[in-house]
Amino acid sequence: MRFILTLDTSTPNTLVAVGTAPPQGLMVLALSEKPHSHGPALLPLMERALAEVGTRPKDLFAVGVGIGPGSFTGVRIGLSTAKALAYAAGIPLVAVDWFELLAGQFDDRKVAVILDARRDEVFFARYDHGTRMGVPSLTSRKALFGELSPDDGWTLVGPWVYEHREELIPVYGAQAIPQKDAHFQTPELLFSGVLSRVVSEGYSPLDVEPLYLREPDAVINLRRKLREQEGLDA
């Protein structure tokens, strides 16, 4: 059986899924119980999932990985692990991002995918009938409303959207917010996205790059400290 291992560490929880092409499809999924524990959680989840279907990394057909957006450290953990697995086994690596996965559920309209970036900021990307408009961005919550005019008929998707729906509905209308299940970054959505691309879009592990929209926290904190120091010296 040609198994595909899919993993993601760009969300707060570590996601692992194993399956094959239909009719079997997704066979095993695993989700970390503790948020933001990507480092210690990823390998045990992978080992457990592979053991449940009776296969080993060297026998996989392909590896799929979510490339973001998310925290610098989180994205790096998953991508480096997926690259190492694919390279060692000599198999394709398939990369997907959450913007495309969430927007792909609504390719018959204009969609804005909005994800929590913490620090009162969001990651967002816009799509028009399945085609990405511009480049994904990091912006403040306040600036977001200027980027997305209510008159343009947006459908808003993402965990952040569902969490803040009471704030968004008066601005964009209830019709702009889909049903609950459409908003979440699930192992099922991740696996289906990888599966749809595994034949036509398998890449060499060396060619896959992360979707970083924010610098590492260490760099941000260092710049803030330098600005504070400059203020003290002025």
Protein backbone atom coordinates (compact mmCIF):
# COMPACT_ATOMS: atom_id res chain seq x y z
CA MET A 1 0.00 0.00 0.00
CA ARG A 2 1.37 3.46 -0.91
CA PHE A 3 1.14 5.47 2.30
CA ILE A 4 1.40 9.23 2.54
CA LEU A 5 2.51 10.83 5.80
CA THR A 6 1.30 14.38 6.36
CA LEU A 7 2.35 16.66 9.19
CA ASP A 8 1.99 20.26 10.29
CA THR A 9 3.44 22.31 13.13
CA SER A 10 2.39 25.78 11.99
CA THR A 11 -0.80 25.77 14.09
CA PRO A 12 -0.82 25.74 17.91
CA ASN A 13 -1.41 21.96 17.81
CA THR A 14 0.82 19.42 16.09
CA LEU A 15 -1.07 17.57 13.34
CA VAL A 16 -0.13 14.18 11.87
CA ALA A 17 -2.13 12.15 9.34
CA VAL A 18 -1.42 8.94 7.43
CA GLY A 19 -3.42 7.52 4.57
CA THR A 20 -3.45 6.46 0.94
CA ALA A 21 -5.23 7.45 -2.21
CA PRO A 22 -8.94 6.51 -2.31
CA PRO A 23 -10.74 4.30 -1.58
CA GLN A 24 -8.89 4.05 1.75
CA GLY A 25 -8.06 7.76 2.05
CA LEU A 26 -7.23 9.08 5.50
CA MET A 27 -6.60 6.15 7.83
CA VAL A 28 -4.98 7.56 10.98
CA LEU A 29 -4.85 11.05 12.41
CA ALA A 30 -3.14 12.31 15.53
CA LEU A 31 -3.34 15.64 17.29
CA SER A 32 -1.16 16.87 20.15
CA GLU A 33 -3.00 17.29 23.43
CA LYS A 34 -0.87 20.22 24.56
CA PRO A 35 -0.70 23.35 22.36
CA HIS A 36 2.68 24.81 21.37
CA SER A 37 4.53 21.55 22.10
CA HIS A 38 5.70 20.86 18.55
CA GLY A 39 9.23 19.79 19.39
CA PRO A 40 8.48 17.05 21.92
CA ALA A 41 5.15 16.04 20.33
CA LEU A 42 5.95 15.58 16.64
CA LEU A 43 8.14 12.46 16.53
CA PRO A 44 6.05 10.39 19.00
CA LEU A 45 2.87 11.26 17.08
CA MET A 46 4.50 10.27 13.79
CA GLU A 47 5.82 7.00 15.19
CA ARG A 48 2.41 6.10 16.64
CA ALA A 49 0.55 6.94 13.43
CA LEU A 50 2.94 4.94 11.23
CA ALA A 51 2.80 1.98 13.61
CA GLU A 52 -0.99 1.96 13.49
CA VAL A 53 -0.99 1.41 9.72
CA GLY A 54 2.01 -0.95 9.87
CA THR A 55 4.53 0.99 7.83
CA ARG A 56 7.90 2.70 8.27
CA PRO A 57 9.31 6.01 7.02
CA LYS A 58 11.47 4.31 4.39
CA ASP A 59 8.38 2.64 2.88
CA LEU A 60 6.32 5.81 2.42
CA PHE A 61 5.19 6.95 -1.02
CA ALA A 62 5.36 10.67 -0.18
CA VAL A 63 5.51 13.15 2.68
CA GLY A 64 3.19 16.14 2.93
CA VAL A 65 3.81 19.18 5.09
CA GLY A 66 2.06 22.40 6.00
CA ILE A 67 4.40 25.33 5.40
CA GLY A 68 2.45 27.99 7.31
CA PRO A 69 1.80 30.64 8.05
CA GLY A 70 2.58 30.38 11.73
CA SER A 71 5.32 31.01 14.24
CA PHE A 72 8.87 30.88 12.91
CA THR A 73 9.86 28.06 15.26
CA GLY A 74 6.70 26.04 14.73
CA VAL A 75 6.89 26.12 10.93
CA ARG A 76 10.60 25.30 11.00
CA ILE A 77 10.15 22.17 13.16
CA GLY A 78 7.62 20.56 10.85
CA LEU A 79 9.30 21.53 7.60
CA SER A 80 12.78 20.42 8.65
CA THR A 81 11.39 17.06 9.81
CA ALA A 82 9.44 16.53 6.59
CA LYS A 83 12.46 17.47 4.46
CA ALA A 84 14.69 15.04 6.35
CA LEU A 85 12.19 12.19 5.98
CA ALA A 86 11.62 12.78 2.27
CA TYR A 87 15.31 13.21 1.52
CA ALA A 88 16.33 10.07 3.43
CA ALA A 89 13.64 7.96 1.76
CA GLY A 90 14.14 9.48 -1.69
CA ILE A 91 10.45 10.31 -2.05
CA PRO A 92 8.53 13.46 -3.06
CA LEU A 93 7.72 16.19 -0.58
CA VAL A 94 4.38 17.94 -1.09
CA ALA A 95 3.95 21.39 0.47
CA VAL A 96 0.62 23.09 1.20
CA ASP A 97 -0.26 26.29 3.01
CA TRP A 98 -3.33 26.98 5.10
CA PHE A 99 -4.39 29.97 3.03
CA GLU A 100 -4.85 27.77 -0.04
CA LEU A 101 -6.46 24.92 1.89
CA LEU A 102 -9.08 27.10 3.57
CA ALA A 103 -9.76 29.25 0.52
CA GLY A 104 -10.06 26.17 -1.69
CA GLN A 105 -13.36 25.32 -0.05
CA PHE A 106 -14.88 28.40 -1.72
CA ASP A 107 -13.41 28.72 -5.21
CA ASP A 108 -16.67 30.14 -6.58
CA ARG A 109 -16.35 33.52 -4.86
CA LYS A 110 -14.03 36.11 -3.33
CA VAL A 111 -12.49 34.82 -0.12
CA ALA A 112 -10.29 36.35 2.55
CA VAL A 113 -8.51 33.84 4.79
CA ILE A 114 -7.62 35.33 8.17
CA LEU A 115 -5.44 33.57 10.74
CA ASP A 116 -4.41 34.64 14.21
CA ALA A 117 -0.82 35.92 14.34
CA ARG A 118 -0.98 36.92 18.03
CA ARG A 119 0.14 40.34 19.31
CA ASP A 120 -3.11 41.85 18.02
CA GLU A 121 -2.10 40.97 14.46
CA VAL A 122 -3.40 38.62 11.76
CA PHE A 123 -2.06 36.79 8.73
CA PHE A 124 -4.34 37.17 5.75
CA ALA A 125 -4.59 36.39 2.05
CA ARG A 126 -7.24 37.16 -0.57
CA TYR A 127 -8.56 34.95 -3.34
CA ASP A 128 -10.86 35.61 -6.26
CA HIS A 129 -12.52 32.41 -7.53
CA GLY A 130 -9.54 30.29 -6.55
CA THR A 131 -6.80 32.68 -7.68
CA ARG A 132 -4.67 34.36 -5.05
CA MET A 133 -4.74 38.16 -5.18
CA GLY A 134 -1.39 39.72 -4.36
CA VAL A 135 0.78 38.19 -1.66
CA PRO A 136 -0.13 37.01 1.85
CA SER A 137 0.38 39.67 4.51
CA LEU A 138 0.79 40.32 8.19
CA THR A 139 -1.25 43.25 9.46
CA SER A 140 -2.85 44.66 12.58
CA ARG A 141 -6.46 43.92 13.39
CA LYS A 142 -7.35 47.58 12.93
CA ALA A 143 -5.70 47.78 9.51
CA LEU A 144 -7.49 44.63 8.37
CA PHE A 145 -10.81 46.43 8.05
CA GLY A 146 -9.20 48.92 5.68
CA GLU A 147 -7.81 46.08 3.56
CA LEU A 148 -11.18 44.33 3.17
CA SER A 149 -14.01 46.60 2.14
CA PRO A 150 -17.47 45.32 3.16
CA ASP A 151 -18.72 46.47 -0.25
CA ASP A 152 -16.56 43.93 -2.10
CA GLY A 153 -18.60 40.89 -1.11
CA TRP A 154 -15.93 38.96 0.80
CA THR A 155 -16.45 35.55 2.36
CA LEU A 156 -14.27 35.45 5.48
CA VAL A 157 -12.70 32.16 6.55
CA GLY A 158 -10.35 30.97 9.29
CA PRO A 159 -10.26 30.19 13.01
CA TRP A 160 -9.76 33.86 13.83
CA VAL A 161 -12.88 34.72 11.82
CA TYR A 162 -15.04 32.25 13.70
CA GLU A 163 -13.68 33.40 17.06
CA HIS A 164 -14.45 37.05 16.21
CA ARG A 165 -17.66 36.50 14.25
CA GLU A 166 -19.74 38.66 16.59
CA GLU A 167 -17.42 41.57 15.79
CA LEU A 168 -17.33 40.87 12.04
CA ILE A 169 -20.99 40.20 11.28
CA PRO A 170 -22.15 43.80 11.88
CA VAL A 171 -19.49 44.98 9.40
CA TYR A 172 -19.60 42.30 6.69
CA GLY A 173 -22.99 40.67 7.24
CA ALA A 174 -23.90 37.19 8.44
CA GLN A 175 -23.68 35.85 4.87
CA ALA A 176 -19.92 36.57 4.88
CA ILE A 177 -19.26 34.04 7.65
CA PRO A 178 -19.63 30.37 6.58
CA GLN A 179 -20.72 27.55 8.87
CA LYS A 180 -18.42 26.54 11.72
CA ASP A 181 -16.76 23.51 10.09
CA ALA A 182 -15.35 25.58 7.22
CA HIS A 183 -13.06 27.61 9.48
CA PHE A 184 -10.74 25.15 11.14
CA GLN A 185 -7.27 23.84 10.34
CA THR A 186 -7.94 20.12 10.64
CA PRO A 187 -5.85 17.02 9.83
CA GLU A 188 -8.55 16.00 7.37
CA LEU A 189 -8.26 19.24 5.40
CA LEU A 190 -4.47 19.04 5.48
CA PHE A 191 -4.41 15.45 4.20
CA SER A 192 -6.94 16.09 1.44
CA GLY A 193 -4.90 19.06 0.25
CA VAL A 194 -1.71 17.01 0.13
CA LEU A 195 -3.46 14.09 -1.56
CA SER A 196 -4.82 16.32 -4.32
CA ARG A 197 -1.30 17.54 -5.10
CA VAL A 198 0.82 14.45 -4.52
CA VAL A 199 0.80 13.23 -8.13
CA SER A 200 1.21 16.54 -9.93
CA GLU A 201 3.16 18.64 -7.44
CA GLY A 202 5.72 16.48 -5.66
CA TYR A 203 8.91 18.44 -5.06
CA SER A 204 12.46 17.69 -4.16
CA PRO A 205 12.87 18.33 -0.40
CA LEU A 206 15.53 20.91 -1.20
CA ASP A 207 13.07 23.03 -3.20
CA VAL A 208 10.38 23.55 -0.53
CA GLU A 209 10.43 26.85 1.36
CA PRO A 210 8.42 27.91 4.42
CA LEU A 211 5.76 30.60 4.36
CA TYR A 212 7.24 32.96 6.93
CA LEU A 213 5.28 36.19 7.30
CA ARG A 214 6.87 37.30 10.55
CA GLU A 215 10.45 37.36 11.78
CA PRO A 216 11.52 35.09 14.65
CA ASP A 217 10.47 36.29 18.10
CA ALA A 218 14.13 36.61 19.09
CA VAL A 219 14.73 39.13 16.29
CA ILE A 220 11.57 41.09 17.13
CA ASN A 221 12.51 41.23 20.81
CA LEU A 222 16.07 42.29 20.02
CA ARG A 223 14.86 45.16 17.83
CA ARG A 224 12.47 46.30 20.53
CA LYS A 225 15.25 46.31 23.11
CA LEU A 226 17.52 48.27 20.75
CA ARG A 227 14.78 50.88 20.19
CA GLU A 228 14.26 51.17 23.93
CA GLN A 229 17.99 51.55 24.47
CA GLU A 230 18.18 54.25 21.80
CA GLY A 231 15.38 56.10 23.59
CA LEU A 232 17.27 55.97 26.87
CA ASP A 233 20.47 57.23 25.25
CA ALA A 234 18.75 60.12 23.46
